[in-house]
Amino acid sequence: CAAVCAALNGPAGTAPATVESTTH
């Protein structure tokens, strides 16, 4: 879900890559 959200907010022609994740 985070990757899709980031992709929808990112520049066209790029892909999302998670660089940090914190889970509670």
PDBML (XML) file of the C-alpha atoms, coordinates in Angstrom:
<?xml version="1.0" encoding="UTF-8" ?>
<PDBx:datablock datablockName="MODEL"
   xmlns:PDBx="http://pdbml.pdb.org/schema/pdbx-v50.xsd"
   xmlns:xsi="http://www.w3.org/2001/XMLSchema-instance"
   xsi:schemaLocation="http://pdbml.pdb.org/schema/pdbx-v50.xsd pdbx-v50.xsd">
   <PDBx:atom_siteCategory>
      <PDBx:atom_site id="1">
         <PDBx:B_iso_or_equiv>0.00</PDBx:B_iso_or_equiv>
         <PDBx:Cartn_x>0.000</PDBx:Cartn_x>
         <PDBx:Cartn_y>0.000</PDBx:Cartn_y>
         <PDBx:Cartn_z>0.000</PDBx:Cartn_z>
         <PDBx:auth_asym_id>A</PDBx:auth_asym_id>
         <PDBx:auth_atom_id>CA</PDBx:auth_atom_id>
         <PDBx:auth_comp_id>CYS</PDBx:auth_comp_id>
         <PDBx:auth_seq_id>1</PDBx:auth_seq_id>
         <PDBx:group_PDB>ATOM</PDBx:group_PDB>
         <PDBx:label_alt_id xsi:nil="true" />
         <PDBx:label_asym_id>A</PDBx:label_asym_id>
         <PDBx:label_atom_id>CA</PDBx:label_atom_id>
         <PDBx:label_comp_id>CYS</PDBx:label_comp_id>
         <PDBx:label_entity_id>1</PDBx:label_entity_id>
         <PDBx:label_seq_id>1</PDBx:label_seq_id>
         <PDBx:occupancy>1.00</PDBx:occupancy>
         <PDBx:pdbx_PDB_model_num>1</PDBx:pdbx_PDB_model_num>
         <PDBx:type_symbol>C</PDBx:type_symbol>
      </PDBx:atom_site>
      <PDBx:atom_site id="2">
         <PDBx:B_iso_or_equiv>0.00</PDBx:B_iso_or_equiv>
         <PDBx:Cartn_x>2.815</PDBx:Cartn_x>
         <PDBx:Cartn_y>2.426</PDBx:Cartn_y>
         <PDBx:Cartn_z>0.830</PDBx:Cartn_z>
         <PDBx:auth_asym_id>A</PDBx:auth_asym_id>
         <PDBx:auth_atom_id>CA</PDBx:auth_atom_id>
         <PDBx:auth_comp_id>ALA</PDBx:auth_comp_id>
         <PDBx:auth_seq_id>2</PDBx:auth_seq_id>
         <PDBx:group_PDB>ATOM</PDBx:group_PDB>
         <PDBx:label_alt_id xsi:nil="true" />
         <PDBx:label_asym_id>A</PDBx:label_asym_id>
         <PDBx:label_atom_id>CA</PDBx:label_atom_id>
         <PDBx:label_comp_id>ALA</PDBx:label_comp_id>
         <PDBx:label_entity_id>1</PDBx:label_entity_id>
         <PDBx:label_seq_id>2</PDBx:label_seq_id>
         <PDBx:occupancy>1.00</PDBx:occupancy>
         <PDBx:pdbx_PDB_model_num>1</PDBx:pdbx_PDB_model_num>
         <PDBx:type_symbol>C</PDBx:type_symbol>
      </PDBx:atom_site>
      <PDBx:atom_site id="3">
         <PDBx:B_iso_or_equiv>0.00</PDBx:B_iso_or_equiv>
         <PDBx:Cartn_x>4.593</PDBx:Cartn_x>
         <PDBx:Cartn_y>1.703</PDBx:Cartn_y>
         <PDBx:Cartn_z>-2.446</PDBx:Cartn_z>
         <PDBx:auth_asym_id>A</PDBx:auth_asym_id>
         <PDBx:auth_atom_id>CA</PDBx:auth_atom_id>
         <PDBx:auth_comp_id>ALA</PDBx:auth_comp_id>
         <PDBx:auth_seq_id>3</PDBx:auth_seq_id>
         <PDBx:group_PDB>ATOM</PDBx:group_PDB>
         <PDBx:label_alt_id xsi:nil="true" />
         <PDBx:label_asym_id>A</PDBx:label_asym_id>
         <PDBx:label_atom_id>CA</PDBx:label_atom_id>
         <PDBx:label_comp_id>ALA</PDBx:label_comp_id>
         <PDBx:label_entity_id>1</PDBx:label_entity_id>
         <PDBx:label_seq_id>3</PDBx:label_seq_id>
         <PDBx:occupancy>1.00</PDBx:occupancy>
         <PDBx:pdbx_PDB_model_num>1</PDBx:pdbx_PDB_model_num>
         <PDBx:type_symbol>C</PDBx:type_symbol>
      </PDBx:atom_site>
      <PDBx:atom_site id="4">
         <PDBx:B_iso_or_equiv>0.00</PDBx:B_iso_or_equiv>
         <PDBx:Cartn_x>1.421</PDBx:Cartn_x>
         <PDBx:Cartn_y>2.271</PDBx:Cartn_y>
         <PDBx:Cartn_z>-4.462</PDBx:Cartn_z>
         <PDBx:auth_asym_id>A</PDBx:auth_asym_id>
         <PDBx:auth_atom_id>CA</PDBx:auth_atom_id>
         <PDBx:auth_comp_id>VAL</PDBx:auth_comp_id>
         <PDBx:auth_seq_id>4</PDBx:auth_seq_id>
         <PDBx:group_PDB>ATOM</PDBx:group_PDB>
         <PDBx:label_alt_id xsi:nil="true" />
         <PDBx:label_asym_id>A</PDBx:label_asym_id>
         <PDBx:label_atom_id>CA</PDBx:label_atom_id>
         <PDBx:label_comp_id>VAL</PDBx:label_comp_id>
         <PDBx:label_entity_id>1</PDBx:label_entity_id>
         <PDBx:label_seq_id>4</PDBx:label_seq_id>
         <PDBx:occupancy>1.00</PDBx:occupancy>
         <PDBx:pdbx_PDB_model_num>1</PDBx:pdbx_PDB_model_num>
         <PDBx:type_symbol>C</PDBx:type_symbol>
      </PDBx:atom_site>
      <PDBx:atom_site id="5">
         <PDBx:B_iso_or_equiv>0.00</PDBx:B_iso_or_equiv>
         <PDBx:Cartn_x>0.715</PDBx:Cartn_x>
         <PDBx:Cartn_y>5.509</PDBx:Cartn_y>
         <PDBx:Cartn_z>-2.589</PDBx:Cartn_z>
         <PDBx:auth_asym_id>A</PDBx:auth_asym_id>
         <PDBx:auth_atom_id>CA</PDBx:auth_atom_id>
         <PDBx:auth_comp_id>CYS</PDBx:auth_comp_id>
         <PDBx:auth_seq_id>5</PDBx:auth_seq_id>
         <PDBx:group_PDB>ATOM</PDBx:group_PDB>
         <PDBx:label_alt_id xsi:nil="true" />
         <PDBx:label_asym_id>A</PDBx:label_asym_id>
         <PDBx:label_atom_id>CA</PDBx:label_atom_id>
         <PDBx:label_comp_id>CYS</PDBx:label_comp_id>
         <PDBx:label_entity_id>1</PDBx:label_entity_id>
         <PDBx:label_seq_id>5</PDBx:label_seq_id>
         <PDBx:occupancy>1.00</PDBx:occupancy>
         <PDBx:pdbx_PDB_model_num>1</PDBx:pdbx_PDB_model_num>
         <PDBx:type_symbol>C</PDBx:type_symbol>
      </PDBx:atom_site>
      <PDBx:atom_site id="6">
         <PDBx:B_iso_or_equiv>0.00</PDBx:B_iso_or_equiv>
         <PDBx:Cartn_x>4.267</PDBx:Cartn_x>
         <PDBx:Cartn_y>6.714</PDBx:Cartn_y>
         <PDBx:Cartn_z>-3.189</PDBx:Cartn_z>
         <PDBx:auth_asym_id>A</PDBx:auth_asym_id>
         <PDBx:auth_atom_id>CA</PDBx:auth_atom_id>
         <PDBx:auth_comp_id>ALA</PDBx:auth_comp_id>
         <PDBx:auth_seq_id>6</PDBx:auth_seq_id>
         <PDBx:group_PDB>ATOM</PDBx:group_PDB>
         <PDBx:label_alt_id xsi:nil="true" />
         <PDBx:label_asym_id>A</PDBx:label_asym_id>
         <PDBx:label_atom_id>CA</PDBx:label_atom_id>
         <PDBx:label_comp_id>ALA</PDBx:label_comp_id>
         <PDBx:label_entity_id>1</PDBx:label_entity_id>
         <PDBx:label_seq_id>6</PDBx:label_seq_id>
         <PDBx:occupancy>1.00</PDBx:occupancy>
         <PDBx:pdbx_PDB_model_num>1</PDBx:pdbx_PDB_model_num>
         <PDBx:type_symbol>C</PDBx:type_symbol>
      </PDBx:atom_site>
      <PDBx:atom_site id="7">
         <PDBx:B_iso_or_equiv>0.00</PDBx:B_iso_or_equiv>
         <PDBx:Cartn_x>4.084</PDBx:Cartn_x>
         <PDBx:Cartn_y>5.751</PDBx:Cartn_y>
         <PDBx:Cartn_z>-6.878</PDBx:Cartn_z>
         <PDBx:auth_asym_id>A</PDBx:auth_asym_id>
         <PDBx:auth_atom_id>CA</PDBx:auth_atom_id>
         <PDBx:auth_comp_id>ALA</PDBx:auth_comp_id>
         <PDBx:auth_seq_id>7</PDBx:auth_seq_id>
         <PDBx:group_PDB>ATOM</PDBx:group_PDB>
         <PDBx:label_alt_id xsi:nil="true" />
         <PDBx:label_asym_id>A</PDBx:label_asym_id>
         <PDBx:label_atom_id>CA</PDBx:label_atom_id>
         <PDBx:label_comp_id>ALA</PDBx:label_comp_id>
         <PDBx:label_entity_id>1</PDBx:label_entity_id>
         <PDBx:label_seq_id>7</PDBx:label_seq_id>
         <PDBx:occupancy>1.00</PDBx:occupancy>
         <PDBx:pdbx_PDB_model_num>1</PDBx:pdbx_PDB_model_num>
         <PDBx:type_symbol>C</PDBx:type_symbol>
      </PDBx:atom_site>
      <PDBx:atom_site id="8">
         <PDBx:B_iso_or_equiv>0.00</PDBx:B_iso_or_equiv>
         <PDBx:Cartn_x>0.873</PDBx:Cartn_x>
         <PDBx:Cartn_y>7.742</PDBx:Cartn_y>
         <PDBx:Cartn_z>-7.288</PDBx:Cartn_z>
         <PDBx:auth_asym_id>A</PDBx:auth_asym_id>
         <PDBx:auth_atom_id>CA</PDBx:auth_atom_id>
         <PDBx:auth_comp_id>LEU</PDBx:auth_comp_id>
         <PDBx:auth_seq_id>8</PDBx:auth_seq_id>
         <PDBx:group_PDB>ATOM</PDBx:group_PDB>
         <PDBx:label_alt_id xsi:nil="true" />
         <PDBx:label_asym_id>A</PDBx:label_asym_id>
         <PDBx:label_atom_id>CA</PDBx:label_atom_id>
         <PDBx:label_comp_id>LEU</PDBx:label_comp_id>
         <PDBx:label_entity_id>1</PDBx:label_entity_id>
         <PDBx:label_seq_id>8</PDBx:label_seq_id>
         <PDBx:occupancy>1.00</PDBx:occupancy>
         <PDBx:pdbx_PDB_model_num>1</PDBx:pdbx_PDB_model_num>
         <PDBx:type_symbol>C</PDBx:type_symbol>
      </PDBx:atom_site>
      <PDBx:atom_site id="9">
         <PDBx:B_iso_or_equiv>0.00</PDBx:B_iso_or_equiv>
         <PDBx:Cartn_x>2.652</PDBx:Cartn_x>
         <PDBx:Cartn_y>10.758</PDBx:Cartn_y>
         <PDBx:Cartn_z>-5.805</PDBx:Cartn_z>
         <PDBx:auth_asym_id>A</PDBx:auth_asym_id>
         <PDBx:auth_atom_id>CA</PDBx:auth_atom_id>
         <PDBx:auth_comp_id>ASN</PDBx:auth_comp_id>
         <PDBx:auth_seq_id>9</PDBx:auth_seq_id>
         <PDBx:group_PDB>ATOM</PDBx:group_PDB>
         <PDBx:label_alt_id xsi:nil="true" />
         <PDBx:label_asym_id>A</PDBx:label_asym_id>
         <PDBx:label_atom_id>CA</PDBx:label_atom_id>
         <PDBx:label_comp_id>ASN</PDBx:label_comp_id>
         <PDBx:label_entity_id>1</PDBx:label_entity_id>
         <PDBx:label_seq_id>9</PDBx:label_seq_id>
         <PDBx:occupancy>1.00</PDBx:occupancy>
         <PDBx:pdbx_PDB_model_num>1</PDBx:pdbx_PDB_model_num>
         <PDBx:type_symbol>C</PDBx:type_symbol>
      </PDBx:atom_site>
      <PDBx:atom_site id="10">
         <PDBx:B_iso_or_equiv>0.00</PDBx:B_iso_or_equiv>
         <PDBx:Cartn_x>5.945</PDBx:Cartn_x>
         <PDBx:Cartn_y>10.285</PDBx:Cartn_y>
         <PDBx:Cartn_z>-7.662</PDBx:Cartn_z>
         <PDBx:auth_asym_id>A</PDBx:auth_asym_id>
         <PDBx:auth_atom_id>CA</PDBx:auth_atom_id>
         <PDBx:auth_comp_id>GLY</PDBx:auth_comp_id>
         <PDBx:auth_seq_id>10</PDBx:auth_seq_id>
         <PDBx:group_PDB>ATOM</PDBx:group_PDB>
         <PDBx:label_alt_id xsi:nil="true" />
         <PDBx:label_asym_id>A</PDBx:label_asym_id>
         <PDBx:label_atom_id>CA</PDBx:label_atom_id>
         <PDBx:label_comp_id>GLY</PDBx:label_comp_id>
         <PDBx:label_entity_id>1</PDBx:label_entity_id>
         <PDBx:label_seq_id>10</PDBx:label_seq_id>
         <PDBx:occupancy>1.00</PDBx:occupancy>
         <PDBx:pdbx_PDB_model_num>1</PDBx:pdbx_PDB_model_num>
         <PDBx:type_symbol>C</PDBx:type_symbol>
      </PDBx:atom_site>
      <PDBx:atom_site id="11">
         <PDBx:B_iso_or_equiv>0.00</PDBx:B_iso_or_equiv>
         <PDBx:Cartn_x>7.247</PDBx:Cartn_x>
         <PDBx:Cartn_y>11.427</PDBx:Cartn_y>
         <PDBx:Cartn_z>-10.996</PDBx:Cartn_z>
         <PDBx:auth_asym_id>A</PDBx:auth_asym_id>
         <PDBx:auth_atom_id>CA</PDBx:auth_atom_id>
         <PDBx:auth_comp_id>PRO</PDBx:auth_comp_id>
         <PDBx:auth_seq_id>11</PDBx:auth_seq_id>
         <PDBx:group_PDB>ATOM</PDBx:group_PDB>
         <PDBx:label_alt_id xsi:nil="true" />
         <PDBx:label_asym_id>A</PDBx:label_asym_id>
         <PDBx:label_atom_id>CA</PDBx:label_atom_id>
         <PDBx:label_comp_id>PRO</PDBx:label_comp_id>
         <PDBx:label_entity_id>1</PDBx:label_entity_id>
         <PDBx:label_seq_id>11</PDBx:label_seq_id>
         <PDBx:occupancy>1.00</PDBx:occupancy>
         <PDBx:pdbx_PDB_model_num>1</PDBx:pdbx_PDB_model_num>
         <PDBx:type_symbol>C</PDBx:type_symbol>
      </PDBx:atom_site>
      <PDBx:atom_site id="12">
         <PDBx:B_iso_or_equiv>0.00</PDBx:B_iso_or_equiv>
         <PDBx:Cartn_x>6.012</PDBx:Cartn_x>
         <PDBx:Cartn_y>9.576</PDBx:Cartn_y>
         <PDBx:Cartn_z>-14.070</PDBx:Cartn_z>
         <PDBx:auth_asym_id>A</PDBx:auth_asym_id>
         <PDBx:auth_atom_id>CA</PDBx:auth_atom_id>
         <PDBx:auth_comp_id>ALA</PDBx:auth_comp_id>
         <PDBx:auth_seq_id>12</PDBx:auth_seq_id>
         <PDBx:group_PDB>ATOM</PDBx:group_PDB>
         <PDBx:label_alt_id xsi:nil="true" />
         <PDBx:label_asym_id>A</PDBx:label_asym_id>
         <PDBx:label_atom_id>CA</PDBx:label_atom_id>
         <PDBx:label_comp_id>ALA</PDBx:label_comp_id>
         <PDBx:label_entity_id>1</PDBx:label_entity_id>
         <PDBx:label_seq_id>12</PDBx:label_seq_id>
         <PDBx:occupancy>1.00</PDBx:occupancy>
         <PDBx:pdbx_PDB_model_num>1</PDBx:pdbx_PDB_model_num>
         <PDBx:type_symbol>C</PDBx:type_symbol>
      </PDBx:atom_site>
      <PDBx:atom_site id="13">
         <PDBx:B_iso_or_equiv>0.00</PDBx:B_iso_or_equiv>
         <PDBx:Cartn_x>8.421</PDBx:Cartn_x>
         <PDBx:Cartn_y>6.937</PDBx:Cartn_y>
         <PDBx:Cartn_z>-15.312</PDBx:Cartn_z>
         <PDBx:auth_asym_id>A</PDBx:auth_asym_id>
         <PDBx:auth_atom_id>CA</PDBx:auth_atom_id>
         <PDBx:auth_comp_id>GLY</PDBx:auth_comp_id>
         <PDBx:auth_seq_id>13</PDBx:auth_seq_id>
         <PDBx:group_PDB>ATOM</PDBx:group_PDB>
         <PDBx:label_alt_id xsi:nil="true" />
         <PDBx:label_asym_id>A</PDBx:label_asym_id>
         <PDBx:label_atom_id>CA</PDBx:label_atom_id>
         <PDBx:label_comp_id>GLY</PDBx:label_comp_id>
         <PDBx:label_entity_id>1</PDBx:label_entity_id>
         <PDBx:label_seq_id>13</PDBx:label_seq_id>
         <PDBx:occupancy>1.00</PDBx:occupancy>
         <PDBx:pdbx_PDB_model_num>1</PDBx:pdbx_PDB_model_num>
         <PDBx:type_symbol>C</PDBx:type_symbol>
      </PDBx:atom_site>
      <PDBx:atom_site id="14">
         <PDBx:B_iso_or_equiv>0.00</PDBx:B_iso_or_equiv>
         <PDBx:Cartn_x>9.757</PDBx:Cartn_x>
         <PDBx:Cartn_y>6.047</PDBx:Cartn_y>
         <PDBx:Cartn_z>-11.856</PDBx:Cartn_z>
         <PDBx:auth_asym_id>A</PDBx:auth_asym_id>
         <PDBx:auth_atom_id>CA</PDBx:auth_atom_id>
         <PDBx:auth_comp_id>THR</PDBx:auth_comp_id>
         <PDBx:auth_seq_id>14</PDBx:auth_seq_id>
         <PDBx:group_PDB>ATOM</PDBx:group_PDB>
         <PDBx:label_alt_id xsi:nil="true" />
         <PDBx:label_asym_id>A</PDBx:label_asym_id>
         <PDBx:label_atom_id>CA</PDBx:label_atom_id>
         <PDBx:label_comp_id>THR</PDBx:label_comp_id>
         <PDBx:label_entity_id>1</PDBx:label_entity_id>
         <PDBx:label_seq_id>14</PDBx:label_seq_id>
         <PDBx:occupancy>1.00</PDBx:occupancy>
         <PDBx:pdbx_PDB_model_num>1</PDBx:pdbx_PDB_model_num>
         <PDBx:type_symbol>C</PDBx:type_symbol>
      </PDBx:atom_site>
      <PDBx:atom_site id="15">
         <PDBx:B_iso_or_equiv>0.00</PDBx:B_iso_or_equiv>
         <PDBx:Cartn_x>9.108</PDBx:Cartn_x>
         <PDBx:Cartn_y>3.130</PDBx:Cartn_y>
         <PDBx:Cartn_z>-9.538</PDBx:Cartn_z>
         <PDBx:auth_asym_id>A</PDBx:auth_asym_id>
         <PDBx:auth_atom_id>CA</PDBx:auth_atom_id>
         <PDBx:auth_comp_id>ALA</PDBx:auth_comp_id>
         <PDBx:auth_seq_id>15</PDBx:auth_seq_id>
         <PDBx:group_PDB>ATOM</PDBx:group_PDB>
         <PDBx:label_alt_id xsi:nil="true" />
         <PDBx:label_asym_id>A</PDBx:label_asym_id>
         <PDBx:label_atom_id>CA</PDBx:label_atom_id>
         <PDBx:label_comp_id>ALA</PDBx:label_comp_id>
         <PDBx:label_entity_id>1</PDBx:label_entity_id>
         <PDBx:label_seq_id>15</PDBx:label_seq_id>
         <PDBx:occupancy>1.00</PDBx:occupancy>
         <PDBx:pdbx_PDB_model_num>1</PDBx:pdbx_PDB_model_num>
         <PDBx:type_symbol>C</PDBx:type_symbol>
      </PDBx:atom_site>
      <PDBx:atom_site id="16">
         <PDBx:B_iso_or_equiv>0.00</PDBx:B_iso_or_equiv>
         <PDBx:Cartn_x>8.872</PDBx:Cartn_x>
         <PDBx:Cartn_y>3.133</PDBx:Cartn_y>
         <PDBx:Cartn_z>-5.734</PDBx:Cartn_z>
         <PDBx:auth_asym_id>A</PDBx:auth_asym_id>
         <PDBx:auth_atom_id>CA</PDBx:auth_atom_id>
         <PDBx:auth_comp_id>PRO</PDBx:auth_comp_id>
         <PDBx:auth_seq_id>16</PDBx:auth_seq_id>
         <PDBx:group_PDB>ATOM</PDBx:group_PDB>
         <PDBx:label_alt_id xsi:nil="true" />
         <PDBx:label_asym_id>A</PDBx:label_asym_id>
         <PDBx:label_atom_id>CA</PDBx:label_atom_id>
         <PDBx:label_comp_id>PRO</PDBx:label_comp_id>
         <PDBx:label_entity_id>1</PDBx:label_entity_id>
         <PDBx:label_seq_id>16</PDBx:label_seq_id>
         <PDBx:occupancy>1.00</PDBx:occupancy>
         <PDBx:pdbx_PDB_model_num>1</PDBx:pdbx_PDB_model_num>
         <PDBx:type_symbol>C</PDBx:type_symbol>
      </PDBx:atom_site>
      <PDBx:atom_site id="17">
         <PDBx:B_iso_or_equiv>0.00</PDBx:B_iso_or_equiv>
         <PDBx:Cartn_x>11.631</PDBx:Cartn_x>
         <PDBx:Cartn_y>1.643</PDBx:Cartn_y>
         <PDBx:Cartn_z>-3.579</PDBx:Cartn_z>
         <PDBx:auth_asym_id>A</PDBx:auth_asym_id>
         <PDBx:auth_atom_id>CA</PDBx:auth_atom_id>
         <PDBx:auth_comp_id>ALA</PDBx:auth_comp_id>
         <PDBx:auth_seq_id>17</PDBx:auth_seq_id>
         <PDBx:group_PDB>ATOM</PDBx:group_PDB>
         <PDBx:label_alt_id xsi:nil="true" />
         <PDBx:label_asym_id>A</PDBx:label_asym_id>
         <PDBx:label_atom_id>CA</PDBx:label_atom_id>
         <PDBx:label_comp_id>ALA</PDBx:label_comp_id>
         <PDBx:label_entity_id>1</PDBx:label_entity_id>
         <PDBx:label_seq_id>17</PDBx:label_seq_id>
         <PDBx:occupancy>1.00</PDBx:occupancy>
         <PDBx:pdbx_PDB_model_num>1</PDBx:pdbx_PDB_model_num>
         <PDBx:type_symbol>C</PDBx:type_symbol>
      </PDBx:atom_site>
      <PDBx:atom_site id="18">
         <PDBx:B_iso_or_equiv>0.00</PDBx:B_iso_or_equiv>
         <PDBx:Cartn_x>11.216</PDBx:Cartn_x>
         <PDBx:Cartn_y>1.375</PDBx:Cartn_y>
         <PDBx:Cartn_z>0.180</PDBx:Cartn_z>
         <PDBx:auth_asym_id>A</PDBx:auth_asym_id>
         <PDBx:auth_atom_id>CA</PDBx:auth_atom_id>
         <PDBx:auth_comp_id>THR</PDBx:auth_comp_id>
         <PDBx:auth_seq_id>18</PDBx:auth_seq_id>
         <PDBx:group_PDB>ATOM</PDBx:group_PDB>
         <PDBx:label_alt_id xsi:nil="true" />
         <PDBx:label_asym_id>A</PDBx:label_asym_id>
         <PDBx:label_atom_id>CA</PDBx:label_atom_id>
         <PDBx:label_comp_id>THR</PDBx:label_comp_id>
         <PDBx:label_entity_id>1</PDBx:label_entity_id>
         <PDBx:label_seq_id>18</PDBx:label_seq_id>
         <PDBx:occupancy>1.00</PDBx:occupancy>
         <PDBx:pdbx_PDB_model_num>1</PDBx:pdbx_PDB_model_num>
         <PDBx:type_symbol>C</PDBx:type_symbol>
      </PDBx:atom_site>
      <PDBx:atom_site id="19">
         <PDBx:B_iso_or_equiv>0.00</PDBx:B_iso_or_equiv>
         <PDBx:Cartn_x>14.324</PDBx:Cartn_x>
         <PDBx:Cartn_y>2.637</PDBx:Cartn_y>
         <PDBx:Cartn_z>1.954</PDBx:Cartn_z>
         <PDBx:auth_asym_id>A</PDBx:auth_asym_id>
         <PDBx:auth_atom_id>CA</PDBx:auth_atom_id>
         <PDBx:auth_comp_id>VAL</PDBx:auth_comp_id>
         <PDBx:auth_seq_id>19</PDBx:auth_seq_id>
         <PDBx:group_PDB>ATOM</PDBx:group_PDB>
         <PDBx:label_alt_id xsi:nil="true" />
         <PDBx:label_asym_id>A</PDBx:label_asym_id>
         <PDBx:label_atom_id>CA</PDBx:label_atom_id>
         <PDBx:label_comp_id>VAL</PDBx:label_comp_id>
         <PDBx:label_entity_id>1</PDBx:label_entity_id>
         <PDBx:label_seq_id>19</PDBx:label_seq_id>
         <PDBx:occupancy>1.00</PDBx:occupancy>
         <PDBx:pdbx_PDB_model_num>1</PDBx:pdbx_PDB_model_num>
         <PDBx:type_symbol>C</PDBx:type_symbol>
      </PDBx:atom_site>
      <PDBx:atom_site id="20">
         <PDBx:B_iso_or_equiv>0.00</PDBx:B_iso_or_equiv>
         <PDBx:Cartn_x>13.063</PDBx:Cartn_x>
         <PDBx:Cartn_y>2.556</PDBx:Cartn_y>
         <PDBx:Cartn_z>5.548</PDBx:Cartn_z>
         <PDBx:auth_asym_id>A</PDBx:auth_asym_id>
         <PDBx:auth_atom_id>CA</PDBx:auth_atom_id>
         <PDBx:auth_comp_id>GLU</PDBx:auth_comp_id>
         <PDBx:auth_seq_id>20</PDBx:auth_seq_id>
         <PDBx:group_PDB>ATOM</PDBx:group_PDB>
         <PDBx:label_alt_id xsi:nil="true" />
         <PDBx:label_asym_id>A</PDBx:label_asym_id>
         <PDBx:label_atom_id>CA</PDBx:label_atom_id>
         <PDBx:label_comp_id>GLU</PDBx:label_comp_id>
         <PDBx:label_entity_id>1</PDBx:label_entity_id>
         <PDBx:label_seq_id>20</PDBx:label_seq_id>
         <PDBx:occupancy>1.00</PDBx:occupancy>
         <PDBx:pdbx_PDB_model_num>1</PDBx:pdbx_PDB_model_num>
         <PDBx:type_symbol>C</PDBx:type_symbol>
      </PDBx:atom_site>
      <PDBx:atom_site id="21">
         <PDBx:B_iso_or_equiv>0.00</PDBx:B_iso_or_equiv>
         <PDBx:Cartn_x>10.142</PDBx:Cartn_x>
         <PDBx:Cartn_y>0.916</PDBx:Cartn_y>
         <PDBx:Cartn_z>7.323</PDBx:Cartn_z>
         <PDBx:auth_asym_id>A</PDBx:auth_asym_id>
         <PDBx:auth_atom_id>CA</PDBx:auth_atom_id>
         <PDBx:auth_comp_id>SER</PDBx:auth_comp_id>
         <PDBx:auth_seq_id>21</PDBx:auth_seq_id>
         <PDBx:group_PDB>ATOM</PDBx:group_PDB>
         <PDBx:label_alt_id xsi:nil="true" />
         <PDBx:label_asym_id>A</PDBx:label_asym_id>
         <PDBx:label_atom_id>CA</PDBx:label_atom_id>
         <PDBx:label_comp_id>SER</PDBx:label_comp_id>
         <PDBx:label_entity_id>1</PDBx:label_entity_id>
         <PDBx:label_seq_id>21</PDBx:label_seq_id>
         <PDBx:occupancy>1.00</PDBx:occupancy>
         <PDBx:pdbx_PDB_model_num>1</PDBx:pdbx_PDB_model_num>
         <PDBx:type_symbol>C</PDBx:type_symbol>
      </PDBx:atom_site>
      <PDBx:atom_site id="22">
         <PDBx:B_iso_or_equiv>0.00</PDBx:B_iso_or_equiv>
         <PDBx:Cartn_x>9.025</PDBx:Cartn_x>
         <PDBx:Cartn_y>0.995</PDBx:Cartn_y>
         <PDBx:Cartn_z>10.947</PDBx:Cartn_z>
         <PDBx:auth_asym_id>A</PDBx:auth_asym_id>
         <PDBx:auth_atom_id>CA</PDBx:auth_atom_id>
         <PDBx:auth_comp_id>THR</PDBx:auth_comp_id>
         <PDBx:auth_seq_id>22</PDBx:auth_seq_id>
         <PDBx:group_PDB>ATOM</PDBx:group_PDB>
         <PDBx:label_alt_id xsi:nil="true" />
         <PDBx:label_asym_id>A</PDBx:label_asym_id>
         <PDBx:label_atom_id>CA</PDBx:label_atom_id>
         <PDBx:label_comp_id>THR</PDBx:label_comp_id>
         <PDBx:label_entity_id>1</PDBx:label_entity_id>
         <PDBx:label_seq_id>22</PDBx:label_seq_id>
         <PDBx:occupancy>1.00</PDBx:occupancy>
         <PDBx:pdbx_PDB_model_num>1</PDBx:pdbx_PDB_model_num>
         <PDBx:type_symbol>C</PDBx:type_symbol>
      </PDBx:atom_site>
      <PDBx:atom_site id="23">
         <PDBx:B_iso_or_equiv>0.00</PDBx:B_iso_or_equiv>
         <PDBx:Cartn_x>6.200</PDBx:Cartn_x>
         <PDBx:Cartn_y>-1.228</PDBx:Cartn_y>
         <PDBx:Cartn_z>12.158</PDBx:Cartn_z>
         <PDBx:auth_asym_id>A</PDBx:auth_asym_id>
         <PDBx:auth_atom_id>CA</PDBx:auth_atom_id>
         <PDBx:auth_comp_id>THR</PDBx:auth_comp_id>
         <PDBx:auth_seq_id>23</PDBx:auth_seq_id>
         <PDBx:group_PDB>ATOM</PDBx:group_PDB>
         <PDBx:label_alt_id xsi:nil="true" />
         <PDBx:label_asym_id>A</PDBx:label_asym_id>
         <PDBx:label_atom_id>CA</PDBx:label_atom_id>
         <PDBx:label_comp_id>THR</PDBx:label_comp_id>
         <PDBx:label_entity_id>1</PDBx:label_entity_id>
         <PDBx:label_seq_id>23</PDBx:label_seq_id>
         <PDBx:occupancy>1.00</PDBx:occupancy>
         <PDBx:pdbx_PDB_model_num>1</PDBx:pdbx_PDB_model_num>
         <PDBx:type_symbol>C</PDBx:type_symbol>
      </PDBx:atom_site>
      <PDBx:atom_site id="24">
         <PDBx:B_iso_or_equiv>0.00</PDBx:B_iso_or_equiv>
         <PDBx:Cartn_x>4.373</PDBx:Cartn_x>
         <PDBx:Cartn_y>-1.035</PDBx:Cartn_y>
         <PDBx:Cartn_z>15.464</PDBx:Cartn_z>
         <PDBx:auth_asym_id>A</PDBx:auth_asym_id>
         <PDBx:auth_atom_id>CA</PDBx:auth_atom_id>
         <PDBx:auth_comp_id>HIS</PDBx:auth_comp_id>
         <PDBx:auth_seq_id>24</PDBx:auth_seq_id>
         <PDBx:group_PDB>ATOM</PDBx:group_PDB>
         <PDBx:label_alt_id xsi:nil="true" />
         <PDBx:label_asym_id>A</PDBx:label_asym_id>
         <PDBx:label_atom_id>CA</PDBx:label_atom_id>
         <PDBx:label_comp_id>HIS</PDBx:label_comp_id>
         <PDBx:label_entity_id>1</PDBx:label_entity_id>
         <PDBx:label_seq_id>24</PDBx:label_seq_id>
         <PDBx:occupancy>1.00</PDBx:occupancy>
         <PDBx:pdbx_PDB_model_num>1</PDBx:pdbx_PDB_model_num>
         <PDBx:type_symbol>C</PDBx:type_symbol>
      </PDBx:atom_site>
   </PDBx:atom_siteCategory>
</PDBx:datablock>
